Amino acid sequence: MGIVKINDELHEEVRKASTAMVRSINAQAEFWIKVGMLAETNPGMTFTEIMRSELKNANVALASLAHE
């Protein structure tokens, strides 16, 4: 585990987003970092495609939820 130093303005945006997304500040920052890494390594994928892929990789039953 390490410490990531970010500027105060970005920290405030992470804090606000974490409240809206019901995540801790650290969890929100980790989410944005992971999504950013996935976006950089998969430039042809949209955010929605990345999320769908990650949920599928986690064995989330997306098809069964779509029918409710």
N, C-alpha and C. Protein backbone atom coordinates (compact mmCIF):
# COMPACT_ATOMS: atom_id res chain seq x y z
N MET A 1 0.86 -1.17 0.00
CA MET A 1 0.00 0.00 0.00
C MET A 1 0.90 1.22 0.00
N GLY A 2 0.47 2.24 -0.68
CA GLY A 2 1.25 3.47 -0.74
C GLY A 2 0.37 4.69 -0.60
N ILE A 3 1.00 5.81 -0.68
CA ILE A 3 0.29 7.09 -0.60
C ILE A 3 0.39 7.77 -1.95
N VAL A 4 -0.73 8.25 -2.44
CA VAL A 4 -0.77 8.99 -3.70
C VAL A 4 -1.09 10.43 -3.35
N LYS A 5 -0.22 11.33 -3.77
CA LYS A 5 -0.44 12.75 -3.49
C LYS A 5 -1.18 13.38 -4.67
N ILE A 6 -2.33 13.99 -4.38
CA ILE A 6 -3.09 14.70 -5.41
C ILE A 6 -3.37 16.11 -4.91
N ASN A 7 -3.65 17.01 -5.85
CA ASN A 7 -3.90 18.40 -5.44
C ASN A 7 -5.25 18.53 -4.74
N ASP A 8 -5.41 19.62 -4.04
CA ASP A 8 -6.61 19.84 -3.23
C ASP A 8 -7.89 19.87 -4.06
N GLU A 9 -7.83 20.45 -5.27
CA GLU A 9 -9.02 20.53 -6.11
C GLU A 9 -9.48 19.14 -6.54
N LEU A 10 -8.54 18.28 -6.94
CA LEU A 10 -8.90 16.92 -7.34
C LEU A 10 -9.42 16.14 -6.14
N HIS A 11 -8.81 16.31 -5.00
CA HIS A 11 -9.28 15.63 -3.79
C HIS A 11 -10.73 16.03 -3.48
N GLU A 12 -11.05 17.29 -3.64
CA GLU A 12 -12.42 17.74 -3.39
C GLU A 12 -13.40 17.11 -4.37
N GLU A 13 -13.00 16.97 -5.64
CA GLU A 13 -13.87 16.31 -6.63
C GLU A 13 -14.06 14.84 -6.29
N VAL A 14 -12.99 14.18 -5.83
CA VAL A 14 -13.10 12.78 -5.41
C VAL A 14 -14.05 12.68 -4.22
N ARG A 15 -13.92 13.60 -3.27
CA ARG A 15 -14.79 13.59 -2.09
C ARG A 15 -16.25 13.74 -2.49
N LYS A 16 -16.54 14.71 -3.38
CA LYS A 16 -17.93 14.93 -3.81
C LYS A 16 -18.47 13.71 -4.56
N ALA A 17 -17.66 13.16 -5.45
CA ALA A 17 -18.08 11.99 -6.21
C ALA A 17 -18.30 10.79 -5.30
N SER A 18 -17.45 10.64 -4.29
CA SER A 18 -17.60 9.51 -3.37
C SER A 18 -18.92 9.59 -2.62
N THR A 19 -19.35 10.78 -2.28
CA THR A 19 -20.64 10.96 -1.61
C THR A 19 -21.78 10.57 -2.54
N ALA A 20 -21.72 11.03 -3.77
CA ALA A 20 -22.77 10.73 -4.74
C ALA A 20 -22.83 9.25 -5.08
N MET A 21 -21.67 8.60 -5.13
CA MET A 21 -21.60 7.19 -5.52
C MET A 21 -21.63 6.23 -4.33
N VAL A 22 -21.79 6.77 -3.13
CA VAL A 22 -21.85 5.99 -1.89
C VAL A 22 -20.63 5.08 -1.75
N ARG A 23 -19.47 5.70 -1.94
CA ARG A 23 -18.19 5.01 -1.77
C ARG A 23 -17.35 5.83 -0.82
N SER A 24 -16.34 5.20 -0.24
CA SER A 24 -15.38 5.97 0.53
C SER A 24 -14.54 6.80 -0.44
N ILE A 25 -13.85 7.79 0.06
CA ILE A 25 -12.99 8.59 -0.79
C ILE A 25 -11.93 7.70 -1.44
N ASN A 26 -11.33 6.81 -0.66
CA ASN A 26 -10.32 5.91 -1.23
C ASN A 26 -10.90 4.99 -2.28
N ALA A 27 -12.09 4.45 -2.04
CA ALA A 27 -12.72 3.56 -3.01
C ALA A 27 -13.05 4.30 -4.31
N GLN A 28 -13.47 5.56 -4.20
CA GLN A 28 -13.76 6.35 -5.39
C GLN A 28 -12.49 6.60 -6.18
N ALA A 29 -11.41 6.97 -5.48
CA ALA A 29 -10.13 7.20 -6.16
C ALA A 29 -9.65 5.91 -6.83
N GLU A 30 -9.75 4.78 -6.14
CA GLU A 30 -9.35 3.50 -6.72
C GLU A 30 -10.18 3.17 -7.96
N PHE A 31 -11.48 3.44 -7.89
CA PHE A 31 -12.36 3.18 -9.03
C PHE A 31 -11.92 4.00 -10.24
N TRP A 32 -11.70 5.31 -10.03
CA TRP A 32 -11.28 6.17 -11.14
C TRP A 32 -9.92 5.74 -11.69
N ILE A 33 -9.01 5.34 -10.82
CA ILE A 33 -7.69 4.89 -11.28
C ILE A 33 -7.85 3.63 -12.13
N LYS A 34 -8.63 2.66 -11.64
CA LYS A 34 -8.82 1.42 -12.38
C LYS A 34 -9.49 1.67 -13.72
N VAL A 35 -10.55 2.47 -13.73
CA VAL A 35 -11.24 2.77 -14.99
C VAL A 35 -10.29 3.49 -15.96
N GLY A 36 -9.51 4.40 -15.44
CA GLY A 36 -8.54 5.10 -16.28
C GLY A 36 -7.52 4.16 -16.89
N MET A 37 -7.02 3.22 -16.09
CA MET A 37 -6.07 2.24 -16.61
C MET A 37 -6.72 1.37 -17.68
N LEU A 38 -7.96 0.92 -17.42
CA LEU A 38 -8.66 0.10 -18.40
C LEU A 38 -8.94 0.88 -19.68
N ALA A 39 -9.28 2.16 -19.55
CA ALA A 39 -9.55 2.99 -20.73
C ALA A 39 -8.27 3.18 -21.55
N GLU A 40 -7.16 3.40 -20.88
CA GLU A 40 -5.89 3.58 -21.60
C GLU A 40 -5.45 2.31 -22.31
N THR A 41 -5.71 1.15 -21.71
CA THR A 41 -5.28 -0.11 -22.33
C THR A 41 -6.31 -0.68 -23.29
N ASN A 42 -7.50 -0.09 -23.32
CA ASN A 42 -8.57 -0.51 -24.24
C ASN A 42 -9.19 0.72 -24.89
N PRO A 43 -8.42 1.45 -25.70
CA PRO A 43 -8.91 2.73 -26.22
C PRO A 43 -10.13 2.62 -27.14
N GLY A 44 -10.42 1.45 -27.64
CA GLY A 44 -11.58 1.30 -28.51
C GLY A 44 -12.87 1.02 -27.76
N MET A 45 -12.80 0.88 -26.44
CA MET A 45 -13.99 0.57 -25.65
C MET A 45 -14.56 1.81 -25.01
N THR A 46 -15.88 1.87 -24.95
CA THR A 46 -16.55 2.95 -24.24
C THR A 46 -16.56 2.63 -22.74
N PHE A 47 -16.92 3.61 -21.93
CA PHE A 47 -17.04 3.39 -20.49
C PHE A 47 -18.03 2.26 -20.21
N THR A 48 -19.16 2.28 -20.89
CA THR A 48 -20.18 1.25 -20.69
C THR A 48 -19.65 -0.13 -21.04
N GLU A 49 -18.91 -0.24 -22.12
CA GLU A 49 -18.32 -1.52 -22.50
C GLU A 49 -17.30 -2.00 -21.47
N ILE A 50 -16.52 -1.09 -20.94
CA ILE A 50 -15.55 -1.44 -19.91
C ILE A 50 -16.28 -1.95 -18.67
N MET A 51 -17.31 -1.24 -18.24
CA MET A 51 -18.06 -1.66 -17.06
C MET A 51 -18.74 -3.02 -17.28
N ARG A 52 -19.32 -3.21 -18.45
CA ARG A 52 -19.96 -4.49 -18.76
C ARG A 52 -18.94 -5.62 -18.71
N SER A 53 -17.77 -5.39 -19.27
CA SER A 53 -16.70 -6.39 -19.26
C SER A 53 -16.25 -6.71 -17.84
N GLU A 54 -16.07 -5.69 -17.02
CA GLU A 54 -15.64 -5.91 -15.64
C GLU A 54 -16.69 -6.66 -14.84
N LEU A 55 -17.96 -6.33 -15.04
CA LEU A 55 -19.03 -7.03 -14.35
C LEU A 55 -19.11 -8.49 -14.80
N LYS A 56 -18.93 -8.72 -16.09
CA LYS A 56 -18.93 -10.09 -16.62
C LYS A 56 -17.76 -10.87 -16.02
N ASN A 57 -16.58 -10.24 -15.96
CA ASN A 57 -15.41 -10.90 -15.38
C ASN A 57 -15.62 -11.24 -13.90
N ALA A 58 -16.48 -10.49 -13.23
CA ALA A 58 -16.79 -10.73 -11.81
C ALA A 58 -17.97 -11.68 -11.65
N ASN A 59 -18.43 -12.26 -12.78
CA ASN A 59 -19.56 -13.20 -12.78
C ASN A 59 -20.86 -12.59 -12.26
N VAL A 60 -21.08 -11.32 -12.54
CA VAL A 60 -22.35 -10.68 -12.21
C VAL A 60 -23.35 -11.09 -13.31
N ALA A 61 -24.52 -11.58 -12.91
CA ALA A 61 -25.52 -12.09 -13.85
C ALA A 61 -26.30 -10.93 -14.46
N LEU A 62 -25.71 -10.26 -15.43
CA LEU A 62 -26.34 -9.09 -16.03
C LEU A 62 -27.61 -9.45 -16.80
N ALA A 63 -27.62 -10.56 -17.49
CA ALA A 63 -28.78 -10.94 -18.30
C ALA A 63 -30.01 -11.14 -17.44
N SER A 64 -29.86 -11.76 -16.28
CA SER A 64 -31.02 -12.01 -15.44
C SER A 64 -31.58 -10.71 -14.85
N LEU A 65 -30.73 -9.72 -14.63
CA LEU A 65 -31.19 -8.46 -14.10
C LEU A 65 -31.93 -7.63 -15.16
N ALA A 66 -31.59 -7.80 -16.41
CA ALA A 66 -32.20 -7.03 -17.49
C ALA A 66 -33.68 -7.41 -17.67
N HIS A 67 -34.08 -8.57 -17.22
CA HIS A 67 -35.46 -9.01 -17.41
C HIS A 67 -36.39 -8.63 -16.28
N GLU A 68 -35.87 -7.99 -15.24
CA GLU A 68 -36.71 -7.62 -14.10
C GLU A 68 -37.42 -6.32 -14.35
